[in-house]
Amino acid sequence: MFIYVVNVSVKAEFAEKFKAESLKNAQNTVKEPNNIRFDVLQSPDDPSKFVLYEVYQDAAALDEHKQTSHYARWKAAVDPWMAEPRKAAKLEEVFFTE
């Protein structure tokens, strides 16, 4: 399994738009054959902070995801809303439950 965690900080005025676009992307991503999980999380203390928690069969599946049309649409829509560049971490499971 391959886990990808993305920390996102958007400009406050775009938080709801970011959430809506990310929901569309997530709903399409979970239909991908090698996606195991895709969570969109929002900070209750700062609504402009999000975490995308993505789990794929392997690293190649993440690369495949980044080639999809829904990812391209999401990226084009949300990039102008960023307060700072997204920060991503690639991880492997040590203990993982579904």
N, C-alpha and C. Protein backbone atom coordinates (compact mmCIF):
# COMPACT_ATOMS: atom_id res chain seq x y z
N MET A 1 0.83 -1.19 0.00
CA MET A 1 0.00 0.00 0.00
C MET A 1 0.87 1.25 0.00
N PHE A 2 0.31 2.30 -0.56
CA PHE A 2 1.03 3.56 -0.68
C PHE A 2 0.10 4.67 -0.20
N ILE A 3 0.58 5.46 0.73
CA ILE A 3 -0.22 6.52 1.34
C ILE A 3 0.37 7.87 0.99
N TYR A 4 -0.50 8.79 0.64
CA TYR A 4 -0.10 10.13 0.23
C TYR A 4 -0.93 11.11 1.06
N VAL A 5 -0.26 11.92 1.86
CA VAL A 5 -0.94 12.88 2.72
C VAL A 5 -0.56 14.28 2.25
N VAL A 6 -1.58 15.08 1.91
CA VAL A 6 -1.33 16.41 1.38
C VAL A 6 -1.93 17.44 2.34
N ASN A 7 -1.10 18.34 2.83
CA ASN A 7 -1.56 19.44 3.67
C ASN A 7 -1.79 20.65 2.78
N VAL A 8 -2.98 21.24 2.91
CA VAL A 8 -3.38 22.33 2.04
C VAL A 8 -3.82 23.51 2.89
N SER A 9 -3.34 24.68 2.50
CA SER A 9 -3.77 25.93 3.11
C SER A 9 -4.29 26.82 1.99
N VAL A 10 -5.60 27.12 2.04
CA VAL A 10 -6.19 27.96 1.01
C VAL A 10 -6.48 29.35 1.57
N LYS A 11 -6.64 30.29 0.68
CA LYS A 11 -7.08 31.63 1.10
C LYS A 11 -8.48 31.48 1.68
N ALA A 12 -8.71 32.10 2.83
CA ALA A 12 -9.95 31.88 3.59
C ALA A 12 -11.21 32.05 2.74
N GLU A 13 -11.22 33.01 1.83
CA GLU A 13 -12.41 33.26 1.03
C GLU A 13 -12.72 32.13 0.03
N PHE A 14 -11.78 31.22 -0.15
CA PHE A 14 -11.97 30.12 -1.09
C PHE A 14 -12.18 28.76 -0.41
N ALA A 15 -12.30 28.75 0.91
CA ALA A 15 -12.40 27.48 1.64
C ALA A 15 -13.60 26.64 1.18
N GLU A 16 -14.75 27.24 1.02
CA GLU A 16 -15.94 26.48 0.62
C GLU A 16 -15.82 25.99 -0.82
N LYS A 17 -15.26 26.82 -1.70
CA LYS A 17 -15.06 26.39 -3.09
C LYS A 17 -14.05 25.25 -3.15
N PHE A 18 -12.98 25.35 -2.35
CA PHE A 18 -11.98 24.29 -2.33
C PHE A 18 -12.62 22.99 -1.86
N LYS A 19 -13.43 23.08 -0.82
CA LYS A 19 -14.08 21.89 -0.29
C LYS A 19 -14.98 21.25 -1.36
N ALA A 20 -15.74 22.05 -2.08
CA ALA A 20 -16.64 21.53 -3.11
C ALA A 20 -15.85 20.87 -4.25
N GLU A 21 -14.80 21.51 -4.71
CA GLU A 21 -13.99 20.94 -5.79
C GLU A 21 -13.28 19.67 -5.34
N SER A 22 -12.83 19.66 -4.10
CA SER A 22 -12.13 18.49 -3.58
C SER A 22 -13.08 17.31 -3.40
N LEU A 23 -14.31 17.59 -3.05
CA LEU A 23 -15.31 16.54 -2.93
C LEU A 23 -15.55 15.89 -4.30
N LYS A 24 -15.67 16.69 -5.36
CA LYS A 24 -15.84 16.13 -6.71
C LYS A 24 -14.65 15.25 -7.08
N ASN A 25 -13.45 15.74 -6.81
CA ASN A 25 -12.24 14.98 -7.12
C ASN A 25 -12.22 13.66 -6.33
N ALA A 26 -12.54 13.73 -5.05
CA ALA A 26 -12.54 12.54 -4.20
C ALA A 26 -13.56 11.51 -4.68
N GLN A 27 -14.76 11.98 -5.04
CA GLN A 27 -15.81 11.07 -5.50
C GLN A 27 -15.39 10.33 -6.78
N ASN A 28 -14.62 10.98 -7.63
CA ASN A 28 -14.11 10.32 -8.83
C ASN A 28 -12.91 9.44 -8.52
N THR A 29 -12.06 9.89 -7.61
CA THR A 29 -10.86 9.13 -7.28
C THR A 29 -11.19 7.78 -6.69
N VAL A 30 -12.20 7.71 -5.82
CA VAL A 30 -12.54 6.43 -5.20
C VAL A 30 -13.07 5.41 -6.21
N LYS A 31 -13.39 5.86 -7.42
CA LYS A 31 -13.81 4.95 -8.49
C LYS A 31 -12.62 4.37 -9.25
N GLU A 32 -11.43 4.91 -9.03
CA GLU A 32 -10.24 4.40 -9.70
C GLU A 32 -9.94 2.99 -9.18
N PRO A 33 -9.54 2.08 -10.07
CA PRO A 33 -9.37 0.68 -9.64
C PRO A 33 -8.30 0.46 -8.57
N ASN A 34 -7.28 1.31 -8.52
CA ASN A 34 -6.20 1.10 -7.55
C ASN A 34 -6.22 2.08 -6.38
N ASN A 35 -7.33 2.79 -6.23
CA ASN A 35 -7.49 3.66 -5.06
C ASN A 35 -8.18 2.87 -3.96
N ILE A 36 -7.66 2.97 -2.76
CA ILE A 36 -8.24 2.28 -1.61
C ILE A 36 -9.07 3.25 -0.78
N ARG A 37 -8.60 4.49 -0.69
CA ARG A 37 -9.27 5.46 0.18
C ARG A 37 -8.87 6.87 -0.26
N PHE A 38 -9.80 7.81 -0.10
CA PHE A 38 -9.50 9.21 -0.36
C PHE A 38 -10.37 10.02 0.59
N ASP A 39 -9.75 10.64 1.58
CA ASP A 39 -10.47 11.44 2.57
C ASP A 39 -10.11 12.91 2.39
N VAL A 40 -11.13 13.76 2.51
CA VAL A 40 -10.92 15.21 2.52
C VAL A 40 -11.26 15.66 3.93
N LEU A 41 -10.27 16.21 4.62
CA LEU A 41 -10.42 16.60 6.03
C LEU A 41 -10.21 18.10 6.16
N GLN A 42 -10.99 18.74 7.05
CA GLN A 42 -10.90 20.18 7.26
C GLN A 42 -10.72 20.46 8.73
N SER A 43 -9.84 21.41 9.04
CA SER A 43 -9.60 21.79 10.43
C SER A 43 -10.81 22.53 11.00
N PRO A 44 -11.29 22.11 12.17
CA PRO A 44 -12.38 22.86 12.80
C PRO A 44 -11.90 24.18 13.40
N ASP A 45 -10.60 24.29 13.67
CA ASP A 45 -10.05 25.51 14.25
C ASP A 45 -9.70 26.56 13.21
N ASP A 46 -9.39 26.11 12.00
CA ASP A 46 -9.04 27.01 10.91
C ASP A 46 -9.59 26.42 9.62
N PRO A 47 -10.79 26.85 9.20
CA PRO A 47 -11.45 26.26 8.04
C PRO A 47 -10.70 26.41 6.71
N SER A 48 -9.61 27.15 6.71
CA SER A 48 -8.82 27.28 5.48
C SER A 48 -7.73 26.22 5.39
N LYS A 49 -7.65 25.34 6.38
CA LYS A 49 -6.65 24.26 6.41
C LYS A 49 -7.32 22.91 6.14
N PHE A 50 -6.74 22.18 5.20
CA PHE A 50 -7.27 20.88 4.80
C PHE A 50 -6.16 19.85 4.77
N VAL A 51 -6.56 18.59 4.89
CA VAL A 51 -5.66 17.47 4.68
C VAL A 51 -6.35 16.51 3.72
N LEU A 52 -5.63 16.10 2.69
CA LEU A 52 -6.12 15.06 1.78
C LEU A 52 -5.36 13.80 2.14
N TYR A 53 -6.10 12.77 2.53
CA TYR A 53 -5.51 11.50 2.95
C TYR A 53 -5.86 10.47 1.88
N GLU A 54 -4.85 10.06 1.13
CA GLU A 54 -5.07 9.20 -0.04
C GLU A 54 -4.32 7.89 0.14
N VAL A 55 -4.98 6.79 -0.17
CA VAL A 55 -4.35 5.48 -0.08
C VAL A 55 -4.55 4.76 -1.41
N TYR A 56 -3.43 4.27 -1.95
CA TYR A 56 -3.43 3.58 -3.24
C TYR A 56 -2.77 2.21 -3.08
N GLN A 57 -3.00 1.35 -4.05
CA GLN A 57 -2.36 0.02 -4.04
C GLN A 57 -0.85 0.14 -4.03
N ASP A 58 -0.33 1.10 -4.81
CA ASP A 58 1.13 1.28 -4.91
C ASP A 58 1.41 2.68 -5.45
N ALA A 59 2.67 3.03 -5.53
CA ALA A 59 3.07 4.37 -5.99
C ALA A 59 2.64 4.61 -7.43
N ALA A 60 2.64 3.58 -8.25
CA ALA A 60 2.21 3.72 -9.64
C ALA A 60 0.75 4.16 -9.73
N ALA A 61 -0.07 3.72 -8.80
CA ALA A 61 -1.48 4.11 -8.79
C ALA A 61 -1.64 5.60 -8.52
N LEU A 62 -0.80 6.16 -7.68
CA LEU A 62 -0.83 7.61 -7.46
C LEU A 62 -0.45 8.32 -8.75
N ASP A 63 0.58 7.84 -9.43
CA ASP A 63 0.97 8.45 -10.71
C ASP A 63 -0.18 8.37 -11.72
N GLU A 64 -0.87 7.23 -11.75
CA GLU A 64 -2.03 7.09 -12.64
C GLU A 64 -3.12 8.09 -12.27
N HIS A 65 -3.36 8.26 -10.98
CA HIS A 65 -4.37 9.23 -10.51
C HIS A 65 -4.05 10.63 -11.02
N LYS A 66 -2.79 10.99 -10.98
CA LYS A 66 -2.39 12.34 -11.41
C LYS A 66 -2.50 12.54 -12.92
N GLN A 67 -2.80 11.48 -13.66
CA GLN A 67 -3.01 11.58 -15.10
C GLN A 67 -4.50 11.63 -15.48
N THR A 68 -5.38 11.55 -14.49
CA THR A 68 -6.82 11.53 -14.78
C THR A 68 -7.34 12.93 -15.09
N SER A 69 -8.44 12.97 -15.82
CA SER A 69 -9.05 14.26 -16.16
C SER A 69 -9.64 14.93 -14.91
N HIS A 70 -10.18 14.15 -13.97
CA HIS A 70 -10.75 14.79 -12.78
C HIS A 70 -9.66 15.42 -11.91
N TYR A 71 -8.48 14.81 -11.85
CA TYR A 71 -7.38 15.44 -11.11
C TYR A 71 -6.94 16.72 -11.81
N ALA A 72 -6.83 16.70 -13.13
CA ALA A 72 -6.43 17.89 -13.88
C ALA A 72 -7.42 19.03 -13.67
N ARG A 73 -8.72 18.71 -13.69
CA ARG A 73 -9.74 19.75 -13.45
C ARG A 73 -9.61 20.31 -12.04
N TRP A 74 -9.44 19.41 -11.05
CA TRP A 74 -9.31 19.85 -9.66
C TRP A 74 -8.10 20.76 -9.50
N LYS A 75 -6.95 20.34 -10.01
CA LYS A 75 -5.72 21.11 -9.86
C LYS A 75 -5.85 22.49 -10.51
N ALA A 76 -6.41 22.54 -11.71
CA ALA A 76 -6.58 23.82 -12.40
C ALA A 76 -7.51 24.75 -11.62
N ALA A 77 -8.55 24.18 -11.02
CA ALA A 77 -9.51 25.00 -10.26
C ALA A 77 -8.90 25.52 -8.97
N VAL A 78 -8.20 24.66 -8.21
CA VAL A 78 -7.79 25.03 -6.86
C VAL A 78 -6.45 25.76 -6.78
N ASP A 79 -5.59 25.59 -7.76
CA ASP A 79 -4.26 26.22 -7.69
C ASP A 79 -4.31 27.73 -7.39
N PRO A 80 -5.20 28.50 -8.02
CA PRO A 80 -5.23 29.93 -7.71
C PRO A 80 -5.70 30.26 -6.29
N TRP A 81 -6.30 29.30 -5.61
CA TRP A 81 -6.84 29.53 -4.28
C TRP A 81 -5.84 29.25 -3.16
N MET A 82 -4.67 28.75 -3.51
CA MET A 82 -3.69 28.36 -2.49
C MET A 82 -3.13 29.58 -1.75
N ALA A 83 -3.07 29.49 -0.43
CA ALA A 83 -2.41 30.51 0.38
C ALA A 83 -0.91 30.27 0.40
N GLU A 84 -0.53 29.00 0.18
CA GLU A 84 0.87 28.59 0.11
C GLU A 84 0.92 27.28 -0.67
N PRO A 85 2.07 26.88 -1.15
CA PRO A 85 2.14 25.62 -1.90
C PRO A 85 1.70 24.43 -1.04
N ARG A 86 1.05 23.47 -1.70
CA ARG A 86 0.65 22.24 -1.00
C ARG A 86 1.90 21.49 -0.54
N LYS A 87 1.77 20.82 0.61
CA LYS A 87 2.88 20.03 1.15
C LYS A 87 2.44 18.57 1.21
N ALA A 88 3.19 17.72 0.54
CA ALA A 88 2.80 16.31 0.47
C ALA A 88 3.86 15.42 1.10
N ALA A 89 3.40 14.32 1.68
CA ALA A 89 4.28 13.30 2.23
C ALA A 89 3.85 11.96 1.66
N LYS A 90 4.82 11.20 1.18
CA LYS A 90 4.58 9.84 0.69
C LYS A 90 4.96 8.89 1.81
N LEU A 91 4.04 7.97 2.14
CA LEU A 91 4.23 7.08 3.28
C LEU A 91 3.93 5.64 2.91
N GLU A 92 4.48 4.72 3.68
CA GLU A 92 4.14 3.31 3.57
C GLU A 92 3.56 2.86 4.91
N GLU A 93 2.65 1.91 4.84
CA GLU A 93 1.98 1.48 6.07
C GLU A 93 2.92 0.66 6.95
N VAL A 94 2.77 0.86 8.24
CA VAL A 94 3.41 0.02 9.26
C VAL A 94 2.30 -0.82 9.89
N PHE A 95 1.23 -0.14 10.28
CA PHE A 95 0.03 -0.80 10.78
C PHE A 95 -1.14 -0.06 10.17
N PHE A 96 -2.00 -0.76 9.48
CA PHE A 96 -3.07 -0.12 8.73
C PHE A 96 -4.33 -0.95 8.84
N THR A 97 -5.45 -0.33 9.20
CA THR A 97 -6.73 -1.03 9.24
C THR A 97 -7.68 -0.33 8.28
N GLU A 98 -8.57 -1.10 7.71
CA GLU A 98 -9.54 -0.52 6.77
C GLU A 98 -10.85 -0.30 7.46
